[in-house]
Amino acid sequence: MKELVEVIAKALVENPDEVVVTQKEEGKHITLELHVAPSDMGKVIGKQGRIAKAIRSVVKAASTRENKKVDVEIV
């Protein structure tokens, strides 16, 4: 999951070197924190949060295969 979020985020931003994804795992629950440069924050969130919602939807679809619950937080 971590790699999936990294690939998507790096494709969206102008500073792909500053994309960092950290993973916290608690049983079947995983929290992914996405850190990007402040100037790229708007590109990752999108108008009215549409891009952020799309990222979360893709990750949720991928996580159902592994029978885990994954949350994506943009920090």
PDB file of N, CA and C in Angstrom:
ATOM      1  N   MET A   1       0.816  -1.196   0.000  1.00  0.00           N
ATOM      2  CA  MET A   1       0.000   0.000   0.000  1.00  0.00           C
ATOM      3  C   MET A   1       0.862   1.264   0.000  1.00  0.00           C
ATOM      4  N   LYS A   2       1.925   1.207   0.792  1.00  0.00           N
ATOM      5  CA  LYS A   2       2.808   2.363   0.919  1.00  0.00           C
ATOM      6  C   LYS A   2       3.368   2.765  -0.451  1.00  0.00           C
ATOM      7  N   GLU A   3       3.806   1.769  -1.215  1.00  0.00           N
ATOM      8  CA  GLU A   3       4.389   2.041  -2.527  1.00  0.00           C
ATOM      9  C   GLU A   3       3.350   2.618  -3.482  1.00  0.00           C
ATOM     10  N   LEU A   4       2.121   2.139  -3.381  1.00  0.00           N
ATOM     11  CA  LEU A   4       1.039   2.629  -4.232  1.00  0.00           C
ATOM     12  C   LEU A   4       0.796   4.118  -4.004  1.00  0.00           C
ATOM     13  N   VAL A   5       0.723   4.527  -2.747  1.00  0.00           N
ATOM     14  CA  VAL A   5       0.507   5.938  -2.416  1.00  0.00           C
ATOM     15  C   VAL A   5       1.688   6.778  -2.887  1.00  0.00           C
ATOM     16  N   GLU A   6       2.906   6.262  -2.719  1.00  0.00           N
ATOM     17  CA  GLU A   6       4.110   6.990  -3.156  1.00  0.00           C
ATOM     18  C   GLU A   6       4.089   7.232  -4.662  1.00  0.00           C
ATOM     19  N   VAL A   7       3.774   6.209  -5.435  1.00  0.00           N
ATOM     20  CA  VAL A   7       3.766   6.326  -6.897  1.00  0.00           C
ATOM     21  C   VAL A   7       2.727   7.345  -7.346  1.00  0.00           C
ATOM     22  N   ILE A   8       1.541   7.275  -6.767  1.00  0.00           N
ATOM     23  CA  ILE A   8       0.477   8.213  -7.144  1.00  0.00           C
ATOM     24  C   ILE A   8       0.876   9.642  -6.795  1.00  0.00           C
ATOM     25  N   ALA A   9       1.385   9.843  -5.571  1.00  0.00           N
ATOM     26  CA  ALA A   9       1.738  11.190  -5.119  1.00  0.00           C
ATOM     27  C   ALA A   9       2.889  11.767  -5.937  1.00  0.00           C
ATOM     28  N   LYS A  10       3.903  10.964  -6.234  1.00  0.00           N
ATOM     29  CA  LYS A  10       5.052  11.457  -7.001  1.00  0.00           C
ATOM     30  C   LYS A  10       4.646  11.870  -8.410  1.00  0.00           C
ATOM     31  N   ALA A  11       3.618  11.233  -8.959  1.00  0.00           N
ATOM     32  CA  ALA A  11       3.145  11.592 -10.293  1.00  0.00           C
ATOM     33  C   ALA A  11       2.408  12.931 -10.284  1.00  0.00           C
ATOM     34  N   LEU A  12       1.868  13.321  -9.139  1.00  0.00           N
ATOM     35  CA  LEU A  12       1.069  14.540  -9.053  1.00  0.00           C
ATOM     36  C   LEU A  12       1.872  15.802  -8.743  1.00  0.00           C
ATOM     37  N   VAL A  13       2.956  15.661  -7.996  1.00  0.00           N
ATOM     38  CA  VAL A  13       3.650  16.833  -7.454  1.00  0.00           C
ATOM     39  C   VAL A  13       4.798  17.297  -8.345  1.00  0.00           C
ATOM     40  N   GLU A  14       5.271  18.532  -8.072  1.00  0.00           N
ATOM     41  CA  GLU A  14       6.420  19.079  -8.794  1.00  0.00           C
ATOM     42  C   GLU A  14       7.741  18.713  -8.116  1.00  0.00           C
ATOM     43  N   ASN A  15       7.692  18.391  -6.818  1.00  0.00           N
ATOM     44  CA  ASN A  15       8.892  18.010  -6.067  1.00  0.00           C
ATOM     45  C   ASN A  15       8.758  16.564  -5.583  1.00  0.00           C
ATOM     46  N   PRO A  16       8.957  15.587  -6.476  1.00  0.00           N
ATOM     47  CA  PRO A  16       8.765  14.191  -6.070  1.00  0.00           C
ATOM     48  C   PRO A  16       9.778  13.715  -5.028  1.00  0.00           C
ATOM     49  N   ASP A  17      10.917  14.428  -4.897  1.00  0.00           N
ATOM     50  CA  ASP A  17      11.923  14.036  -3.905  1.00  0.00           C
ATOM     51  C   ASP A  17      11.404  14.235  -2.486  1.00  0.00           C
ATOM     52  N   GLU A  18      10.453  15.141  -2.300  1.00  0.00           N
ATOM     53  CA  GLU A  18       9.961  15.467  -0.964  1.00  0.00           C
ATOM     54  C   GLU A  18       8.741  14.656  -0.547  1.00  0.00           C
ATOM     55  N   VAL A  19       8.347  13.695  -1.365  1.00  0.00           N
ATOM     56  CA  VAL A  19       7.209  12.841  -1.018  1.00  0.00           C
ATOM     57  C   VAL A  19       7.694  11.751  -0.066  1.00  0.00           C
ATOM     58  N   VAL A  20       7.064  11.692   1.110  1.00  0.00           N
ATOM     59  CA  VAL A  20       7.408  10.678   2.106  1.00  0.00           C
ATOM     60  C   VAL A  20       6.116  10.051   2.610  1.00  0.00           C
ATOM     61  N   VAL A  21       6.082   8.725   2.626  1.00  0.00           N
ATOM     62  CA  VAL A  21       4.920   8.009   3.141  1.00  0.00           C
ATOM     63  C   VAL A  21       5.380   7.154   4.320  1.00  0.00           C
ATOM     64  N   THR A  22       4.732   7.361   5.475  1.00  0.00           N
ATOM     65  CA  THR A  22       5.032   6.545   6.652  1.00  0.00           C
ATOM     66  C   THR A  22       3.843   5.651   6.938  1.00  0.00           C
ATOM     67  N   GLN A  23       4.140   4.470   7.449  1.00  0.00           N
ATOM     68  CA  GLN A  23       3.096   3.476   7.678  1.00  0.00           C
ATOM     69  C   GLN A  23       3.059   3.092   9.149  1.00  0.00           C
ATOM     70  N   LYS A  24       1.862   3.123   9.726  1.00  0.00           N
ATOM     71  CA  LYS A  24       1.646   2.682  11.105  1.00  0.00           C
ATOM     72  C   LYS A  24       0.648   1.531  11.052  1.00  0.00           C
ATOM     73  N   GLU A  25       1.027   0.405  11.624  1.00  0.00           N
ATOM     74  CA  GLU A  25       0.196  -0.790  11.538  1.00  0.00           C
ATOM     75  C   GLU A  25      -0.259  -1.232  12.926  1.00  0.00           C
ATOM     76  N   GLU A  26      -1.563  -1.465  13.049  1.00  0.00           N
ATOM     77  CA  GLU A  26      -2.143  -1.963  14.298  1.00  0.00           C
ATOM     78  C   GLU A  26      -3.095  -3.097  13.954  1.00  0.00           C
ATOM     79  N   GLY A  27      -2.607  -4.317  13.957  1.00  0.00           N
ATOM     80  CA  GLY A  27      -3.445  -5.456  13.599  1.00  0.00           C
ATOM     81  C   GLY A  27      -3.839  -5.397  12.140  1.00  0.00           C
ATOM     82  N   LYS A  28      -5.162  -5.352  11.871  1.00  0.00           N
ATOM     83  CA  LYS A  28      -5.641  -5.271  10.487  1.00  0.00           C
ATOM     84  C   LYS A  28      -5.872  -3.834  10.051  1.00  0.00           C
ATOM     85  N   HIS A  29      -5.493  -2.891  10.878  1.00  0.00           N
ATOM     86  CA  HIS A  29      -5.701  -1.478  10.559  1.00  0.00           C
ATOM     87  C   HIS A  29      -4.351  -0.825  10.253  1.00  0.00           C
ATOM     88  N   ILE A  30      -4.256  -0.197   9.086  1.00  0.00           N
ATOM     89  CA  ILE A  30      -3.022   0.471   8.663  1.00  0.00           C
ATOM     90  C   ILE A  30      -3.329   1.943   8.412  1.00  0.00           C
ATOM     91  N   THR A  31      -2.459   2.822   8.921  1.00  0.00           N
ATOM     92  CA  THR A  31      -2.577   4.252   8.652  1.00  0.00           C
ATOM     93  C   THR A  31      -1.358   4.685   7.850  1.00  0.00           C
ATOM     94  N   LEU A  32      -1.598   5.270   6.694  1.00  0.00           N
ATOM     95  CA  LEU A  32      -0.527   5.794   5.850  1.00  0.00           C
ATOM     96  C   LEU A  32      -0.557   7.310   5.926  1.00  0.00           C
ATOM     97  N   GLU A  33       0.565   7.909   6.297  1.00  0.00           N
ATOM     98  CA  GLU A  33       0.676   9.367   6.362  1.00  0.00           C
ATOM     99  C   GLU A  33       1.497   9.837   5.174  1.00  0.00           C
ATOM    100  N   LEU A  34       0.901  10.710   4.381  1.00  0.00           N
ATOM    101  CA  LEU A  34       1.556  11.237   3.189  1.00  0.00           C
ATOM    102  C   LEU A  34       2.056  12.644   3.474  1.00  0.00           C
ATOM    103  N   HIS A  35       3.362  12.833   3.353  1.00  0.00           N
ATOM    104  CA  HIS A  35       3.985  14.141   3.564  1.00  0.00           C
ATOM    105  C   HIS A  35       4.495  14.639   2.216  1.00  0.00           C
ATOM    106  N   VAL A  36       4.106  15.863   1.841  1.00  0.00           N
ATOM    107  CA  VAL A  36       4.590  16.480   0.600  1.00  0.00           C
ATOM    108  C   VAL A  36       5.073  17.890   0.915  1.00  0.00           C
ATOM    109  N   ALA A  37       5.740  18.497  -0.052  1.00  0.00           N
ATOM    110  CA  ALA A  37       6.202  19.878   0.111  1.00  0.00           C
ATOM    111  C   ALA A  37       4.985  20.795   0.257  1.00  0.00           C
ATOM    112  N   PRO A  38       5.101  21.857   1.044  1.00  0.00           N
ATOM    113  CA  PRO A  38       3.956  22.773   1.224  1.00  0.00           C
ATOM    114  C   PRO A  38       3.416  23.339  -0.088  1.00  0.00           C
ATOM    115  N   SER A  39       4.294  23.553  -1.054  1.00  0.00           N
ATOM    116  CA  SER A  39       3.846  24.099  -2.339  1.00  0.00           C
ATOM    117  C   SER A  39       3.050  23.077  -3.160  1.00  0.00           C
ATOM    118  N   ASP A  40       3.207  21.794  -2.851  1.00  0.00           N
ATOM    119  CA  ASP A  40       2.508  20.738  -3.586  1.00  0.00           C
ATOM    120  C   ASP A  40       1.242  20.254  -2.880  1.00  0.00           C
ATOM    121  N   MET A  41       0.954  20.789  -1.719  1.00  0.00           N
ATOM    122  CA  MET A  41      -0.186  20.327  -0.933  1.00  0.00           C
ATOM    123  C   MET A  41      -1.495  20.447  -1.724  1.00  0.00           C
ATOM    124  N   GLY A  42      -1.686  21.552  -2.412  1.00  0.00           N
ATOM    125  CA  GLY A  42      -2.905  21.761  -3.180  1.00  0.00           C
ATOM    126  C   GLY A  42      -3.072  20.769  -4.310  1.00  0.00           C
ATOM    127  N   LYS A  43      -1.967  20.358  -4.914  1.00  0.00           N
ATOM    128  CA  LYS A  43      -2.030  19.406  -6.011  1.00  0.00           C
ATOM    129  C   LYS A  43      -2.450  18.025  -5.525  1.00  0.00           C
ATOM    130  N   VAL A  44      -2.038  17.672  -4.323  1.00  0.00           N
ATOM    131  CA  VAL A  44      -2.377  16.356  -3.777  1.00  0.00           C
ATOM    132  C   VAL A  44      -3.812  16.338  -3.263  1.00  0.00           C
ATOM    133  N   ILE A  45      -4.280  17.457  -2.734  1.00  0.00           N
ATOM    134  CA  ILE A  45      -5.644  17.516  -2.204  1.00  0.00           C
ATOM    135  C   ILE A  45      -6.649  17.749  -3.334  1.00  0.00           C
ATOM    136  N   GLY A  46      -6.356  18.654  -4.232  1.00  0.00           N
ATOM    137  CA  GLY A  46      -7.245  18.934  -5.353  1.00  0.00           C
ATOM    138  C   GLY A  46      -8.402  19.831  -4.975  1.00  0.00           C
ATOM    139  N   LYS A  47      -9.138  20.255  -5.984  1.00  0.00           N
ATOM    140  CA  LYS A  47     -10.298  21.122  -5.737  1.00  0.00           C
ATOM    141  C   LYS A  47     -11.347  20.340  -4.961  1.00  0.00           C
ATOM    142  N   GLN A  48     -11.778  20.917  -3.854  1.00  0.00           N
ATOM    143  CA  GLN A  48     -12.775  20.326  -2.972  1.00  0.00           C
ATOM    144  C   GLN A  48     -12.385  18.921  -2.518  1.00  0.00           C
ATOM    145  N   GLY A  49     -11.088  18.631  -2.483  1.00  0.00           N
ATOM    146  CA  GLY A  49     -10.600  17.344  -1.984  1.00  0.00           C
ATOM    147  C   GLY A  49     -10.816  16.170  -2.920  1.00  0.00           C
ATOM    148  N   ARG A  50     -11.053  16.447  -4.186  1.00  0.00           N
ATOM    149  CA  ARG A  50     -11.364  15.366  -5.127  1.00  0.00           C
ATOM    150  C   ARG A  50     -10.196  14.412  -5.340  1.00  0.00           C
ATOM    151  N   ILE A  51      -8.987  14.942  -5.473  1.00  0.00           N
ATOM    152  CA  ILE A  51      -7.830  14.078  -5.722  1.00  0.00           C
ATOM    153  C   ILE A  51      -7.525  13.245  -4.484  1.00  0.00           C
ATOM    154  N   ALA A  52      -7.605  13.862  -3.307  1.00  0.00           N
ATOM    155  CA  ALA A  52      -7.380  13.128  -2.053  1.00  0.00           C
ATOM    156  C   ALA A  52      -8.402  12.001  -1.923  1.00  0.00           C
ATOM    157  N   LYS A  53      -9.642  12.285  -2.264  1.00  0.00           N
ATOM    158  CA  LYS A  53     -10.694  11.273  -2.181  1.00  0.00           C
ATOM    159  C   LYS A  53     -10.422  10.139  -3.167  1.00  0.00           C
ATOM    160  N   ALA A  54      -9.933  10.472  -4.357  1.00  0.00           N
ATOM    161  CA  ALA A  54      -9.613   9.458  -5.363  1.00  0.00           C
ATOM    162  C   ALA A  54      -8.462   8.574  -4.898  1.00  0.00           C
ATOM    163  N   ILE A  55      -7.443   9.172  -4.283  1.00  0.00           N
ATOM    164  CA  ILE A  55      -6.316   8.400  -3.757  1.00  0.00           C
ATOM    165  C   ILE A  55      -6.822   7.424  -2.702  1.00  0.00           C
ATOM    166  N   ARG A  56      -7.669   7.911  -1.802  1.00  0.00           N
ATOM    167  CA  ARG A  56      -8.209   7.050  -0.750  1.00  0.00           C
ATOM    168  C   ARG A  56      -9.052   5.914  -1.334  1.00  0.00           C
ATOM    169  N   SER A  57      -9.802   6.198  -2.396  1.00  0.00           N
ATOM    170  CA  SER A  57     -10.636   5.169  -3.036  1.00  0.00           C
ATOM    171  C   SER A  57      -9.781   4.069  -3.662  1.00  0.00           C
ATOM    172  N   VAL A  58      -8.708   4.458  -4.332  1.00  0.00           N
ATOM    173  CA  VAL A  58      -7.812   3.480  -4.963  1.00  0.00           C
ATOM    174  C   VAL A  58      -7.155   2.608  -3.899  1.00  0.00           C
ATOM    175  N   VAL A  59      -6.688   3.232  -2.817  1.00  0.00           N
ATOM    176  CA  VAL A  59      -6.035   2.485  -1.746  1.00  0.00           C
ATOM    177  C   VAL A  59      -7.035   1.550  -1.063  1.00  0.00           C
ATOM    178  N   LYS A  60      -8.251   2.017  -0.872  1.00  0.00           N
ATOM    179  CA  LYS A  60      -9.279   1.184  -0.238  1.00  0.00           C
ATOM    180  C   LYS A  60      -9.577  -0.041  -1.104  1.00  0.00           C
ATOM    181  N   ALA A  61      -9.675   0.163  -2.411  1.00  0.00           N
ATOM    182  CA  ALA A  61      -9.928  -0.956  -3.317  1.00  0.00           C
ATOM    183  C   ALA A  61      -8.782  -1.970  -3.274  1.00  0.00           C
ATOM    184  N   ALA A  62      -7.563  -1.473  -3.232  1.00  0.00           N
ATOM    185  CA  ALA A  62      -6.401  -2.370  -3.177  1.00  0.00           C
ATOM    186  C   ALA A  62      -6.311  -3.083  -1.826  1.00  0.00           C
ATOM    187  N   SER A  63      -6.743  -2.413  -0.758  1.00  0.00           N
ATOM    188  CA  SER A  63      -6.620  -3.006   0.577  1.00  0.00           C
ATOM    189  C   SER A  63      -7.650  -4.106   0.823  1.00  0.00           C
ATOM    190  N   THR A  64      -8.763  -4.087   0.112  1.00  0.00           N
ATOM    191  CA  THR A  64      -9.761  -5.130   0.305  1.00  0.00           C
ATOM    192  C   THR A  64      -9.240  -6.493  -0.149  1.00  0.00           C
ATOM    193  N   ARG A  65      -8.309  -6.495  -1.076  1.00  0.00           N
ATOM    194  CA  ARG A  65      -7.686  -7.756  -1.509  1.00  0.00           C
ATOM    195  C   ARG A  65      -6.898  -8.397  -0.374  1.00  0.00           C
ATOM    196  N   GLU A  66      -6.284  -7.563   0.468  1.00  0.00           N
ATOM    197  CA  GLU A  66      -5.460  -8.069   1.562  1.00  0.00           C
ATOM    198  C   GLU A  66      -6.241  -8.189   2.868  1.00  0.00           C
ATOM    199  N   ASN A  67      -7.537  -7.897   2.810  1.00  0.00           N
ATOM    200  CA  ASN A  67      -8.398  -8.014   3.991  1.00  0.00           C
ATOM    201  C   ASN A  67      -7.939  -7.107   5.135  1.00  0.00           C
ATOM    202  N   LYS A  68      -7.525  -5.896   4.804  1.00  0.00           N
ATOM    203  CA  LYS A  68      -7.081  -4.924   5.807  1.00  0.00           C
ATOM    204  C   LYS A  68      -7.795  -3.606   5.589  1.00  0.00           C
ATOM    205  N   LYS A  69      -7.868  -2.814   6.651  1.00  0.00           N
ATOM    206  CA  LYS A  69      -8.464  -1.479   6.562  1.00  0.00           C
ATOM    207  C   LYS A  69      -7.329  -0.468   6.518  1.00  0.00           C
ATOM    208  N   VAL A  70      -7.313   0.360   5.485  1.00  0.00           N
ATOM    209  CA  VAL A  70      -6.224   1.323   5.302  1.00  0.00           C
ATOM    210  C   VAL A  70      -6.802   2.738   5.243  1.00  0.00           C
ATOM    211  N   ASP A  71      -6.228   3.630   6.057  1.00  0.00           N
ATOM    212  CA  ASP A  71      -6.583   5.044   6.024  1.00  0.00           C
ATOM    213  C   ASP A  71      -5.396   5.821   5.464  1.00  0.00           C
ATOM    214  N   VAL A  72      -5.666   6.816   4.641  1.00  0.00           N
ATOM    215  CA  VAL A  72      -4.620   7.684   4.106  1.00  0.00           C
ATOM    216  C   VAL A  72      -4.827   9.073   4.672  1.00  0.00           C
ATOM    217  N   GLU A  73      -3.810   9.588   5.373  1.00  0.00           N
ATOM    218  CA  GLU A  73      -3.841  10.936   5.930  1.00  0.00           C
ATOM    219  C   GLU A  73      -2.818  11.794   5.218  1.00  0.00           C
ATOM    220  N   ILE A  74      -3.225  12.967   4.769  1.00  0.00           N
ATOM    221  CA  ILE A  74      -2.302  13.889   4.121  1.00  0.00           C
ATOM    222  C   ILE A  74      -1.899  14.902   5.164  1.00  0.00           C
ATOM    223  N   VAL A  75      -0.606  14.892   5.500  1.00  0.00           N
ATOM    224  CA  VAL A  75      -0.099  15.736   6.588  1.00  0.00           C
ATOM    225  C   VAL A  75       0.689  16.892   6.025  1.00  0.00           C
TER     226      VAL A  75
END
